[in-house]
Structure formats: C-alpha cells, structure tokens
Amino acid sequence: MTDDDGIEAPPVQHEGAGQRLRQAREKAGYDLKDVAGATRIPERHLLAIENGEFDRLPAPAYAVGFSRSYARMVGADEQSIVEQVRAEVGAVRAARPERAEKFEPGDPARVPSRRLAWFGALAIVLLIIGMFTFYRTYLAPGMGPPPLTADDANAVAAAPAGAAPTGAGAPGAAVPAPAAGGQVVFTALEPQVWARFYDRAGNRLIEKQFAQGEQFAVPRDADGVQIWTGRPDALAITIDGRPVPKLADRQQIMRDVPVSAEALLARPAGGAAPAASPPPVPVGAAPARP
C-alpha cells in the first residue's frame, strides 16, 4: 500500500506446475483429448492437474506419475515439473494431513489397458472351466472303466467256436435264433455300469453310467456301432427281444467291440472264455454255429 493513494498492490501470482503444463500444451497445439489419448490419462485427471487440484486425483501419489507423462507428451521439463508437483502436493498434505500413500504409479502408458485386463480375466475363467470339464469327463471317480488287471488281461482269449452253449434247456431242443439285422438292446443288470457306444468313425452315440434296469437300443441306421466298457458281465443283450450271450461273464476291459446284430450273432457262444470249464456236450448234439 502506498502512502499517496492508499491502493494495495496486487499480489504476485505464482505459476504452478499445472499452469506450466497447460501453457506447454497450448503452445504445442494439443488439446486435453490429444494428451489423454497419448498418455491414457483420463481428461478429468488432466484438468485437475492443470488446475492444481491434486486432491481430485485417486490419490495424491498419482500426481507425480501423471504429471511426468503429461510433461513428456507436451515437451516440458519433466524433472522441473515433477519437483514442483511434489512440492505442491506436499503443501496440500501439510494443510490437510491424510494417510500416507506408499504406492506411486509409474508411467500410465506402461500400465496394461482395461481391454487387456478383461481379456486376461476371461482367459483365466475359460481355463478354469476347461480344467473342470476335463476332470468331470476323464478323471472324476466312477466316470471311466475299471483298471485292467493281470487276470483280466489273461482272460481276454475267446472261447472255441465249437463250444457248447451254456444256456439251460433239454439237449437237442430247438431255440429260434434271432434274425440278423434285428434290434439290439443292452440292459444294465447292476447300478452304475459305465459304457460308451460309438460308430465306426468314432462319433459318440452315448456315454454314461447306466442305472440298474436302464436300457440302450443300438440305432439300426448307425454304421458299425462299437462298445467300450469295463463291465460286460453286467450288460444283458437282446436282439428283437431274444436274449443272446453277454460279451463276457466277468469284469474286463472291452473296447472297439462291434455290437451290431450281425456281429453279436457271429461271436462265439459265451463271448470271452469263462473262468470255469464248460459243461460236456451231449452226444448227438450239434455244435453251435457262429
């Protein structure tokens, strides 16, 4: 204030870091949108830095990293801007103490974008779903055939073609044979009997654990239907309603076994060789034809 007129001189305005950045941006011919696109800093944060409103940032520590990237974009002195920003942030903290932030972000341009973060999260979710599906399909208890033991491996040999049938009945009694090309039906004799049916090309028709009494009719129009199971002894077979011998009389791994009516009728009577010796063939009885 002078003694002559009593007018107080206006205070000298201090040029803050934000004002320096704004001047450098305008001198370079950029607008806030250009800077935001190059640095990936939201425009509202850039505006807060230019206005010196560092408390509007997510945390005061962001002011240093954002200001450094801003200065680099517009060609300002990075070191000078960073030091001035730290001083201004320190003054704000001194005026209004806050909890100290230990995290000081680096260059935002090096931080993964939101799209990349979403892509990574989606990839992790898909990986978890794939692992769960693989476990349920191939590794879950009871979802596959039982392991092949040494006894099972030795019992895979087929019975002789001339062996007598094991079914009951009077010697020489005529039993009508099922017709080739008839409807083949498998029936589970025990609970939780696992089996997979597929055609010649490997296309899966059905794969599940059959409940006791549950049936599966082999499609007549399917080409070369085969079976994979570890419980052939627990699957009864009929062709047009007439029973035929099971694929085996004991537990064993059987895979790629044809189960069309023609293939089943062509199998040796009794399927795989039983553990016990077959009964003697009555005199005069004709050997079973394949």
C-alpha atoms as a PDB file:
ATOM      1  CA  MET A   1       0.000   0.000   0.000  1.00  0.00           C
ATOM      2  CA  THR A   2       1.451   3.385  -0.959  1.00  0.00           C
ATOM      3  CA  ASP A   3       1.236   6.495   1.227  1.00  0.00           C
ATOM      4  CA  ASP A   4      -0.132   8.639  -1.632  1.00  0.00           C
ATOM      5  CA  ASP A   5      -3.289   6.906  -2.833  1.00  0.00           C
ATOM      6  CA  GLY A   6      -3.797   4.074  -0.309  1.00  0.00           C
ATOM      7  CA  ILE A   7      -4.178   1.471  -3.110  1.00  0.00           C
ATOM      8  CA  GLU A   8      -2.831  -2.001  -2.266  1.00  0.00           C
ATOM      9  CA  ALA A   9      -0.650  -3.567  -4.987  1.00  0.00           C
ATOM     10  CA  PRO A  10      -1.992  -6.898  -6.320  1.00  0.00           C
ATOM     11  CA  PRO A  11      -0.092  -9.974  -5.100  1.00  0.00           C
ATOM     12  CA  VAL A  12       2.309 -11.667  -7.470  1.00  0.00           C
ATOM     13  CA  GLN A  13       0.620 -14.754  -8.913  1.00  0.00           C
ATOM     14  CA  HIS A  14       2.727 -17.923  -8.549  1.00  0.00           C
ATOM     15  CA  GLU A  15       2.811 -20.020 -11.699  1.00  0.00           C
ATOM     16  CA  GLY A  16       2.011 -23.581 -10.657  1.00  0.00           C
ATOM     17  CA  ALA A  17       3.041 -26.807 -12.359  1.00  0.00           C
ATOM     18  CA  GLY A  18      -0.435 -27.227 -13.809  1.00  0.00           C
ATOM     19  CA  GLN A  19      -0.346 -23.797 -15.400  1.00  0.00           C
ATOM     20  CA  ARG A  20       3.051 -24.557 -16.912  1.00  0.00           C
ATOM     21  CA  LEU A  21       1.726 -27.792 -18.354  1.00  0.00           C
ATOM     22  CA  ARG A  22      -1.329 -26.029 -19.793  1.00  0.00           C
ATOM     23  CA  GLN A  23       0.850 -23.392 -21.426  1.00  0.00           C
ATOM     24  CA  ALA A  24       3.153 -26.050 -22.889  1.00  0.00           C
ATOM     25  CA  ARG A  25       0.143 -27.969 -24.208  1.00  0.00           C
ATOM     26  CA  GLU A  26      -1.391 -24.916 -25.852  1.00  0.00           C
ATOM     27  CA  LYS A  27       1.973 -23.936 -27.294  1.00  0.00           C
ATOM     28  CA  ALA A  28       2.333 -27.414 -28.819  1.00  0.00           C
ATOM     29  CA  GLY A  29      -1.159 -27.146 -30.308  1.00  0.00           C
ATOM     30  CA  TYR A  30      -2.696 -30.028 -28.326  1.00  0.00           C
ATOM     31  CA  ASP A  31      -5.999 -30.206 -26.515  1.00  0.00           C
ATOM     32  CA  LEU A  32      -6.799 -32.327 -23.474  1.00  0.00           C
ATOM     33  CA  LYS A  33      -8.252 -35.071 -25.668  1.00  0.00           C
ATOM     34  CA  ASP A  34      -4.947 -35.410 -27.538  1.00  0.00           C
ATOM     35  CA  VAL A  35      -2.979 -35.686 -24.315  1.00  0.00           C
ATOM     36  CA  ALA A  36      -5.456 -38.161 -22.827  1.00  0.00           C
ATOM     37  CA  GLY A  37      -5.240 -40.383 -25.911  1.00  0.00           C
ATOM     38  CA  ALA A  38      -1.431 -40.391 -25.921  1.00  0.00           C
ATOM     39  CA  THR A  39      -0.905 -40.886 -22.184  1.00  0.00           C
ATOM     40  CA  ARG A  40      -4.080 -42.889 -21.388  1.00  0.00           C
ATOM     41  CA  ILE A  41      -4.806 -40.494 -18.523  1.00  0.00           C
ATOM     42  CA  PRO A  42      -8.495 -39.517 -18.180  1.00  0.00           C
ATOM     43  CA  GLU A  43      -9.259 -35.940 -19.221  1.00  0.00           C
ATOM     44  CA  ARG A  44     -10.765 -35.132 -15.810  1.00  0.00           C
ATOM     45  CA  HIS A  45      -7.435 -36.004 -14.167  1.00  0.00           C
ATOM     46  CA  LEU A  46      -5.505 -33.876 -16.664  1.00  0.00           C
ATOM     47  CA  LEU A  47      -7.831 -30.952 -15.951  1.00  0.00           C
ATOM     48  CA  ALA A  48      -7.364 -31.436 -12.206  1.00  0.00           C
ATOM     49  CA  ILE A  49      -3.566 -31.326 -12.680  1.00  0.00           C
ATOM     50  CA  GLU A  50      -3.769 -28.136 -14.750  1.00  0.00           C
ATOM     51  CA  ASN A  51      -5.928 -26.514 -12.050  1.00  0.00           C
ATOM     52  CA  GLY A  52      -3.614 -27.688  -9.274  1.00  0.00           C
ATOM     53  CA  GLU A  53      -6.448 -29.714  -7.723  1.00  0.00           C
ATOM     54  CA  PHE A  54      -4.376 -32.762  -6.849  1.00  0.00           C
ATOM     55  CA  ASP A  55      -6.864 -33.840  -4.198  1.00  0.00           C
ATOM     56  CA  ARG A  56      -9.282 -34.727  -7.036  1.00  0.00           C
ATOM     57  CA  LEU A  57      -6.957 -37.490  -8.228  1.00  0.00           C
ATOM     58  CA  PRO A  58      -7.474 -41.085  -6.996  1.00  0.00           C
ATOM     59  CA  ALA A  59      -4.534 -40.495  -4.648  1.00  0.00           C
ATOM     60  CA  PRO A  60      -2.004 -37.667  -4.291  1.00  0.00           C
ATOM     61  CA  ALA A  61       0.761 -40.034  -5.354  1.00  0.00           C
ATOM     62  CA  TYR A  62      -0.815 -40.243  -8.813  1.00  0.00           C
ATOM     63  CA  ALA A  63       0.026 -36.579  -9.379  1.00  0.00           C
ATOM     64  CA  VAL A  64       3.738 -37.322  -9.849  1.00  0.00           C
ATOM     65  CA  GLY A  65       3.346 -40.111 -12.401  1.00  0.00           C
ATOM     66  CA  PHE A  66       0.586 -38.351 -14.326  1.00  0.00           C
ATOM     67  CA  SER A  67       2.470 -35.050 -14.409  1.00  0.00           C
ATOM     68  CA  ARG A  68       5.644 -36.728 -15.638  1.00  0.00           C
ATOM     69  CA  SER A  69       3.778 -38.347 -18.542  1.00  0.00           C
ATOM     70  CA  TYR A  70       1.955 -35.086 -19.277  1.00  0.00           C
ATOM     71  CA  ALA A  71       5.243 -33.139 -19.379  1.00  0.00           C
ATOM     72  CA  ARG A  72       6.854 -35.699 -21.661  1.00  0.00           C
ATOM     73  CA  MET A  73       3.892 -35.504 -24.038  1.00  0.00           C
ATOM     74  CA  VAL A  74       3.926 -31.706 -24.406  1.00  0.00           C
ATOM     75  CA  GLY A  75       7.725 -31.328 -24.355  1.00  0.00           C
ATOM     76  CA  ALA A  76       8.016 -29.643 -20.946  1.00  0.00           C
ATOM     77  CA  ASP A  77      10.891 -30.112 -18.486  1.00  0.00           C
ATOM     78  CA  GLU A  78       9.923 -33.392 -16.771  1.00  0.00           C
ATOM     79  CA  GLN A  79      12.279 -33.066 -13.804  1.00  0.00           C
ATOM     80  CA  SER A  80      11.281 -29.490 -13.059  1.00  0.00           C
ATOM     81  CA  ILE A  81       7.576 -30.305 -13.345  1.00  0.00           C
ATOM     82  CA  VAL A  82       7.894 -33.379 -11.099  1.00  0.00           C
ATOM     83  CA  GLU A  83       9.773 -31.465  -8.394  1.00  0.00           C
ATOM     84  CA  GLN A  84       7.218 -28.657  -8.450  1.00  0.00           C
ATOM     85  CA  VAL A  85       4.315 -31.117  -8.312  1.00  0.00           C
ATOM     86  CA  ARG A  86       5.855 -32.868  -5.321  1.00  0.00           C
ATOM     87  CA  ALA A  87       6.236 -29.536  -3.574  1.00  0.00           C
ATOM     88  CA  GLU A  88       2.634 -28.574  -4.278  1.00  0.00           C
ATOM     89  CA  VAL A  89       1.349 -31.981  -3.176  1.00  0.00           C
ATOM     90  CA  GLY A  90       3.419 -31.667  -0.002  1.00  0.00           C
ATOM     91  CA  ALA A  91       1.868 -28.301   0.696  1.00  0.00           C
ATOM     92  CA  VAL A  92      -1.597 -29.771   0.251  1.00  0.00           C
ATOM     93  CA  ARG A  93      -0.779 -32.602   2.638  1.00  0.00           C
ATOM     94  CA  ALA A  94       0.605 -30.191   5.200  1.00  0.00           C
ATOM     95  CA  ALA A  95      -2.575 -28.140   5.048  1.00  0.00           C
ATOM     96  CA  ARG A  96      -4.792 -31.212   5.257  1.00  0.00           C
ATOM     97  CA  PRO A  97      -2.956 -34.266   6.645  1.00  0.00           C
ATOM     98  CA  GLU A  98      -4.000 -37.514   5.075  1.00  0.00           C
ATOM     99  CA  ARG A  99      -2.937 -41.111   5.301  1.00  0.00           C
ATOM    100  CA  ALA A 100       0.384 -41.502   3.536  1.00  0.00           C
ATOM    101  CA  GLU A 101       0.233 -43.410   0.297  1.00  0.00           C
ATOM    102  CA  LYS A 102       3.019 -45.921  -0.262  1.00  0.00           C
ATOM    103  CA  PHE A 103       2.189 -46.557  -3.911  1.00  0.00           C
ATOM    104  CA  GLU A 104       3.497 -44.166  -6.541  1.00  0.00           C
ATOM    105  CA  PRO A 105       2.395 -45.288 -10.004  1.00  0.00           C
ATOM    106  CA  GLY A 106       4.815 -45.130 -12.852  1.00  0.00           C
ATOM    107  CA  ASP A 107       4.163 -44.158 -16.401  1.00  0.00           C
ATOM    108  CA  PRO A 108       0.455 -44.870 -17.120  1.00  0.00           C
ATOM    109  CA  ALA A 109       1.378 -45.780 -20.681  1.00  0.00           C
ATOM    110  CA  ARG A 110       3.097 -48.874 -19.282  1.00  0.00           C
ATOM    111  CA  VAL A 111       0.067 -49.976 -17.278  1.00  0.00           C
ATOM    112  CA  PRO A 112      -1.987 -52.692 -19.069  1.00  0.00           C
ATOM    113  CA  SER A 113      -5.116 -51.330 -20.689  1.00  0.00           C
ATOM    114  CA  ARG A 114      -8.576 -52.180 -19.420  1.00  0.00           C
ATOM    115  CA  ARG A 115      -9.239 -54.306 -22.503  1.00  0.00           C
ATOM    116  CA  LEU A 116      -6.100 -56.350 -21.867  1.00  0.00           C
ATOM    117  CA  ALA A 117      -7.085 -56.812 -18.223  1.00  0.00           C
ATOM    118  CA  TRP A 118     -10.559 -58.046 -19.217  1.00  0.00           C
ATOM    119  CA  PHE A 119      -9.024 -60.400 -21.783  1.00  0.00           C
ATOM    120  CA  GLY A 120      -6.696 -61.862 -19.159  1.00  0.00           C
ATOM    121  CA  ALA A 121      -9.567 -62.377 -16.714  1.00  0.00           C
ATOM    122  CA  LEU A 122     -11.661 -64.074 -19.407  1.00  0.00           C
ATOM    123  CA  ALA A 123      -8.762 -66.362 -20.323  1.00  0.00           C
ATOM    124  CA  ILE A 124      -8.399 -67.424 -16.683  1.00  0.00           C
ATOM    125  CA  VAL A 125     -12.137 -68.169 -16.397  1.00  0.00           C
ATOM    126  CA  LEU A 126     -12.091 -70.251 -19.599  1.00  0.00           C
ATOM    127  CA  LEU A 127      -9.036 -72.146 -18.360  1.00  0.00           C
ATOM    128  CA  ILE A 128     -10.781 -72.986 -15.082  1.00  0.00           C
ATOM    129  CA  ILE A 129     -13.921 -74.148 -16.923  1.00  0.00           C
ATOM    130  CA  GLY A 130     -11.844 -76.287 -19.278  1.00  0.00           C
ATOM    131  CA  MET A 131      -9.956 -77.927 -16.418  1.00  0.00           C
ATOM    132  CA  PHE A 132     -13.219 -78.624 -14.570  1.00  0.00           C
ATOM    133  CA  THR A 133     -14.801 -80.153 -17.681  1.00  0.00           C
ATOM    134  CA  PHE A 134     -11.735 -82.307 -18.325  1.00  0.00           C
ATOM    135  CA  TYR A 135     -11.784 -83.535 -14.724  1.00  0.00           C
ATOM    136  CA  ARG A 136     -15.501 -84.366 -14.815  1.00  0.00           C
ATOM    137  CA  THR A 137     -15.129 -86.199 -18.146  1.00  0.00           C
ATOM    138  CA  TYR A 138     -11.938 -88.188 -17.682  1.00  0.00           C
ATOM    139  CA  LEU A 139     -10.703 -88.034 -14.079  1.00  0.00           C
ATOM    140  CA  ALA A 140     -13.782 -87.995 -11.843  1.00  0.00           C
ATOM    141  CA  PRO A 141     -14.231 -91.190  -9.781  1.00  0.00           C
ATOM    142  CA  GLY A 142     -16.527 -93.709 -11.453  1.00  0.00           C
ATOM    143  CA  MET A 143     -16.611 -91.932 -14.814  1.00  0.00           C
ATOM    144  CA  GLY A 144     -14.402 -94.428 -16.633  1.00  0.00           C
ATOM    145  CA  PRO A 145     -13.910 -98.168 -16.929  1.00  0.00           C
ATOM    146  CA  PRO A 146     -12.174-100.050 -14.119  1.00  0.00           C
ATOM    147  CA  PRO A 147      -8.415-100.630 -14.480  1.00  0.00           C
ATOM    148  CA  LEU A 148      -7.245-103.671 -16.387  1.00  0.00           C
ATOM    149  CA  THR A 149      -5.698-106.251 -14.071  1.00  0.00           C
ATOM    150  CA  ALA A 150      -3.328-109.054 -14.920  1.00  0.00           C
ATOM    151  CA  ASP A 151      -6.087-111.636 -14.515  1.00  0.00           C
ATOM    152  CA  ASP A 152      -8.313-109.692 -16.886  1.00  0.00           C
ATOM    153  CA  ALA A 153      -5.566-109.479 -19.481  1.00  0.00           C
ATOM    154  CA  ASN A 154      -5.122-113.246 -19.408  1.00  0.00           C
ATOM    155  CA  ALA A 155      -8.868-113.865 -19.709  1.00  0.00           C
ATOM    156  CA  VAL A 156      -9.426-111.982 -22.966  1.00  0.00           C
ATOM    157  CA  ALA A 157      -8.952-115.101 -25.133  1.00  0.00           C
ATOM    158  CA  ALA A 158     -12.119-116.130 -26.960  1.00  0.00           C
ATOM    159  CA  ALA A 159     -13.877-119.437 -26.408  1.00  0.00           C
ATOM    160  CA  PRO A 160     -13.531-122.172 -29.104  1.00  0.00           C
ATOM    161  CA  ALA A 161     -16.007-121.910 -31.935  1.00  0.00           C
ATOM    162  CA  GLY A 162     -17.323-125.404 -31.227  1.00  0.00           C
ATOM    163  CA  ALA A 163     -18.041-124.906 -27.532  1.00  0.00           C
ATOM    164  CA  ALA A 164     -21.489-125.859 -26.406  1.00  0.00           C
ATOM    165  CA  PRO A 165     -23.925-123.126 -25.338  1.00  0.00           C
ATOM    166  CA  THR A 166     -24.152-122.550 -21.580  1.00  0.00           C
ATOM    167  CA  GLY A 167     -27.868-121.798 -21.513  1.00  0.00           C
ATOM    168  CA  ALA A 168     -30.277-124.156 -19.856  1.00  0.00           C
ATOM    169  CA  GLY A 169     -32.572-126.422 -21.821  1.00  0.00           C
ATOM    170  CA  ALA A 170     -33.080-130.002 -22.872  1.00  0.00           C
ATOM    171  CA  PRO A 171     -30.428-131.485 -25.209  1.00  0.00           C
ATOM    172  CA  GLY A 172     -31.408-131.085 -28.817  1.00  0.00           C
ATOM    173  CA  ALA A 173     -34.204-128.577 -28.038  1.00  0.00           C
ATOM    174  CA  ALA A 174     -34.664-126.153 -30.914  1.00  0.00           C
ATOM    175  CA  VAL A 175     -34.373-122.491 -29.921  1.00  0.00           C
ATOM    176  CA  PRO A 176     -35.316-119.901 -32.539  1.00  0.00           C
ATOM    177  CA  ALA A 177     -32.263-117.811 -33.390  1.00  0.00           C
ATOM    178  CA  PRO A 178     -32.532-114.021 -33.546  1.00  0.00           C
ATOM    179  CA  ALA A 179     -32.615-112.578 -37.022  1.00  0.00           C
ATOM    180  CA  ALA A 180     -29.583-110.768 -38.397  1.00  0.00           C
ATOM    181  CA  GLY A 181     -30.255-107.054 -38.610  1.00  0.00           C
ATOM    182  CA  GLY A 182     -32.636-107.125 -35.636  1.00  0.00           C
ATOM    183  CA  GLN A 183     -32.908-104.517 -32.900  1.00  0.00           C
ATOM    184  CA  VAL A 184     -30.062-104.807 -30.364  1.00  0.00           C
ATOM    185  CA  VAL A 185     -30.839-103.663 -26.814  1.00  0.00           C
ATOM    186  CA  PHE A 186     -28.402-103.501 -23.875  1.00  0.00           C
ATOM    187  CA  THR A 187     -29.794-103.621 -20.305  1.00  0.00           C
ATOM    188  CA  ALA A 188     -27.771-102.795 -17.182  1.00  0.00           C
ATOM    189  CA  LEU A 189     -28.012-105.587 -14.607  1.00  0.00           C
ATOM    190  CA  GLU A 190     -26.339-103.585 -11.825  1.00  0.00           C
ATOM    191  CA  PRO A 191     -26.267 -99.919 -10.796  1.00  0.00           C
ATOM    192  CA  GLN A 192     -23.640 -97.562 -12.206  1.00  0.00           C
ATOM    193  CA  VAL A 193     -22.493 -99.612 -15.177  1.00  0.00           C
ATOM    194  CA  TRP A 194     -20.261 -97.404 -17.341  1.00  0.00           C
ATOM    195  CA  ALA A 195     -20.303 -97.874 -21.119  1.00  0.00           C
ATOM    196  CA  ARG A 196     -19.633 -95.855 -24.238  1.00  0.00           C
ATOM    197  CA  PHE A 197     -21.240 -96.605 -27.629  1.00  0.00           C
ATOM    198  CA  TYR A 198     -19.825 -95.055 -30.799  1.00  0.00           C
ATOM    199  CA  ASP A 199     -19.912 -95.647 -34.560  1.00  0.00           C
ATOM    200  CA  ARG A 200     -17.168 -96.728 -36.936  1.00  0.00           C
ATOM    201  CA  ALA A 201     -15.980 -93.131 -37.396  1.00  0.00           C
ATOM    202  CA  GLY A 202     -15.608 -92.655 -33.636  1.00  0.00           C
ATOM    203  CA  ASN A 203     -18.691 -90.474 -33.221  1.00  0.00           C
ATOM    204  CA  ARG A 204     -20.038 -90.970 -29.703  1.00  0.00           C
ATOM    205  CA  LEU A 205     -23.640 -92.161 -29.535  1.00  0.00           C
ATOM    206  CA  ILE A 206     -23.895 -92.300 -25.742  1.00  0.00           C
ATOM    207  CA  GLU A 207     -21.549 -92.445 -22.774  1.00  0.00           C
ATOM    208  CA  LYS A 208     -22.814 -92.686 -19.212  1.00  0.00           C
ATOM    209  CA  GLN A 209     -23.201 -94.775 -16.086  1.00  0.00           C
ATOM    210  CA  PHE A 210     -26.359 -96.768 -16.642  1.00  0.00           C
ATOM    211  CA  ALA A 211     -28.688 -97.323 -13.717  1.00  0.00           C
ATOM    212  CA  GLN A 212     -29.874-100.820 -12.954  1.00  0.00           C
ATOM    213  CA  GLY A 213     -32.548-101.791 -15.475  1.00  0.00           C
ATOM    214  CA  GLU A 214     -31.728 -98.864 -17.793  1.00  0.00           C
ATOM    215  CA  GLN A 215     -31.624 -99.808 -21.473  1.00  0.00           C
ATOM    216  CA  PHE A 216     -29.950 -98.551 -24.636  1.00  0.00           C
ATOM    217  CA  ALA A 217     -31.226 -99.526 -28.077  1.00  0.00           C
ATOM    218  CA  VAL A 218     -28.459 -99.541 -30.681  1.00  0.00           C
ATOM    219  CA  PRO A 219     -29.587 -97.384 -33.632  1.00  0.00           C
ATOM    220  CA  ARG A 220     -30.102 -99.556 -36.691  1.00  0.00           C
ATOM    221  CA  ASP A 221     -29.007 -96.815 -39.056  1.00  0.00           C
ATOM    222  CA  ALA A 222     -25.678 -96.254 -37.268  1.00  0.00           C
ATOM    223  CA  ASP A 223     -22.626 -97.566 -39.109  1.00  0.00           C
ATOM    224  CA  GLY A 224     -20.517-100.142 -37.290  1.00  0.00           C
ATOM    225  CA  VAL A 225     -21.572 -99.427 -33.701  1.00  0.00           C
ATOM    226  CA  GLN A 226     -18.964-100.482 -31.107  1.00  0.00           C
ATOM    227  CA  ILE A 227     -18.756-100.523 -27.315  1.00  0.00           C
ATOM    228  CA  TRP A 228     -16.170 -99.652 -24.689  1.00  0.00           C
ATOM    229  CA  THR A 229     -16.880-100.830 -21.148  1.00  0.00           C
ATOM    230  CA  GLY A 230     -15.283-102.428 -18.149  1.00  0.00           C
ATOM    231  CA  ARG A 231     -18.430-104.305 -17.077  1.00  0.00           C
ATOM    232  CA  PRO A 232     -19.502-106.523 -19.972  1.00  0.00           C
ATOM    233  CA  ASP A 233     -20.706-109.037 -17.387  1.00  0.00           C
ATOM    234  CA  ALA A 234     -23.295-106.519 -16.138  1.00  0.00           C
ATOM    235  CA  LEU A 235     -24.862-105.822 -19.535  1.00  0.00           C
ATOM    236  CA  ALA A 236     -27.587-108.141 -20.799  1.00  0.00           C
ATOM    237  CA  ILE A 237     -28.137-108.202 -24.573  1.00  0.00           C
ATOM    238  CA  THR A 238     -31.250-108.965 -26.593  1.00  0.00           C
ATOM    239  CA  ILE A 239     -31.892-108.990 -30.340  1.00  0.00           C
ATOM    240  CA  ASP A 240     -35.534-108.428 -31.220  1.00  0.00           C
ATOM    241  CA  GLY A 241     -36.374-109.337 -27.630  1.00  0.00           C
ATOM    242  CA  ARG A 242     -34.468-112.659 -27.668  1.00  0.00           C
ATOM    243  CA  PRO A 243     -31.525-112.882 -25.243  1.00  0.00           C
ATOM    244  CA  VAL A 244     -28.064-113.548 -26.613  1.00  0.00           C
ATOM    245  CA  PRO A 245     -24.875-114.289 -24.654  1.00  0.00           C
ATOM    246  CA  LYS A 246     -23.239-111.381 -22.885  1.00  0.00           C
ATOM    247  CA  LEU A 247     -19.961-110.054 -24.210  1.00  0.00           C
ATOM    248  CA  ALA A 248     -18.163-111.581 -21.200  1.00  0.00           C
ATOM    249  CA  ASP A 249     -19.016-113.288 -17.931  1.00  0.00           C
ATOM    250  CA  ARG A 250     -16.584-111.330 -15.788  1.00  0.00           C
ATOM    251  CA  GLN A 251     -15.256-107.815 -15.363  1.00  0.00           C
ATOM    252  CA  GLN A 252     -12.717-106.889 -18.024  1.00  0.00           C
ATOM    253  CA  ILE A 253     -11.902-104.022 -20.335  1.00  0.00           C
ATOM    254  CA  MET A 254     -13.542-104.445 -23.727  1.00  0.00           C
ATOM    255  CA  ARG A 255     -13.004-101.759 -26.342  1.00  0.00           C
ATOM    256  CA  ASP A 256     -13.847-101.402 -30.048  1.00  0.00           C
ATOM    257  CA  VAL A 257     -16.136-104.450 -29.863  1.00  0.00           C
ATOM    258  CA  PRO A 258     -18.796-104.452 -32.638  1.00  0.00           C
ATOM    259  CA  VAL A 259     -22.335-104.735 -31.259  1.00  0.00           C
ATOM    260  CA  SER A 260     -24.493-104.870 -34.373  1.00  0.00           C
ATOM    261  CA  ALA A 261     -26.901-107.793 -34.624  1.00  0.00           C
ATOM    262  CA  GLU A 262     -24.706-109.469 -37.252  1.00  0.00           C
ATOM    263  CA  ALA A 263     -21.551-109.025 -35.147  1.00  0.00           C
ATOM    264  CA  LEU A 264     -23.189-110.336 -31.978  1.00  0.00           C
ATOM    265  CA  LEU A 265     -24.607-113.392 -33.757  1.00  0.00           C
ATOM    266  CA  ALA A 266     -21.192-114.089 -35.280  1.00  0.00           C
ATOM    267  CA  ARG A 267     -19.452-114.102 -31.894  1.00  0.00           C
ATOM    268  CA  PRO A 268     -18.555-117.456 -30.329  1.00  0.00           C
ATOM    269  CA  ALA A 269     -21.175-118.678 -27.892  1.00  0.00           C
ATOM    270  CA  GLY A 270     -20.460-117.364 -24.431  1.00  0.00           C
ATOM    271  CA  GLY A 271     -18.234-114.480 -25.608  1.00  0.00           C
ATOM    272  CA  ALA A 272     -14.945-114.461 -23.714  1.00  0.00           C
ATOM    273  CA  ALA A 273     -13.714-117.674 -22.179  1.00  0.00           C
ATOM    274  CA  PRO A 274     -15.334-118.249 -18.755  1.00  0.00           C
ATOM    275  CA  ALA A 275     -13.333-118.970 -15.648  1.00  0.00           C
ATOM    276  CA  ALA A 276     -14.849-122.453 -15.248  1.00  0.00           C
ATOM    277  CA  SER A 277     -14.796-125.248 -17.819  1.00  0.00           C
ATOM    278  CA  PRO A 278     -17.920-125.512 -19.988  1.00  0.00           C
ATOM    279  CA  PRO A 279     -20.306-128.416 -19.436  1.00  0.00           C
ATOM    280  CA  PRO A 280     -19.796-131.512 -21.635  1.00  0.00           C
ATOM    281  CA  VAL A 281     -21.593-131.570 -24.955  1.00  0.00           C
ATOM    282  CA  PRO A 282     -24.384-134.195 -25.041  1.00  0.00           C
ATOM    283  CA  VAL A 283     -23.943-136.997 -27.517  1.00  0.00           C
ATOM    284  CA  GLY A 284     -25.648-136.197 -30.770  1.00  0.00           C
ATOM    285  CA  ALA A 285     -25.942-132.503 -30.059  1.00  0.00           C
ATOM    286  CA  ALA A 286     -24.907-130.287 -32.929  1.00  0.00           C
ATOM    287  CA  PRO A 287     -22.150-127.772 -32.226  1.00  0.00           C
ATOM    288  CA  ALA A 288     -23.208-124.161 -32.029  1.00  0.00           C
ATOM    289  CA  ARG A 289     -22.888-122.265 -35.276  1.00  0.00           C
ATOM    290  CA  PRO A 290     -21.463-118.758 -35.248  1.00  0.00           C
END
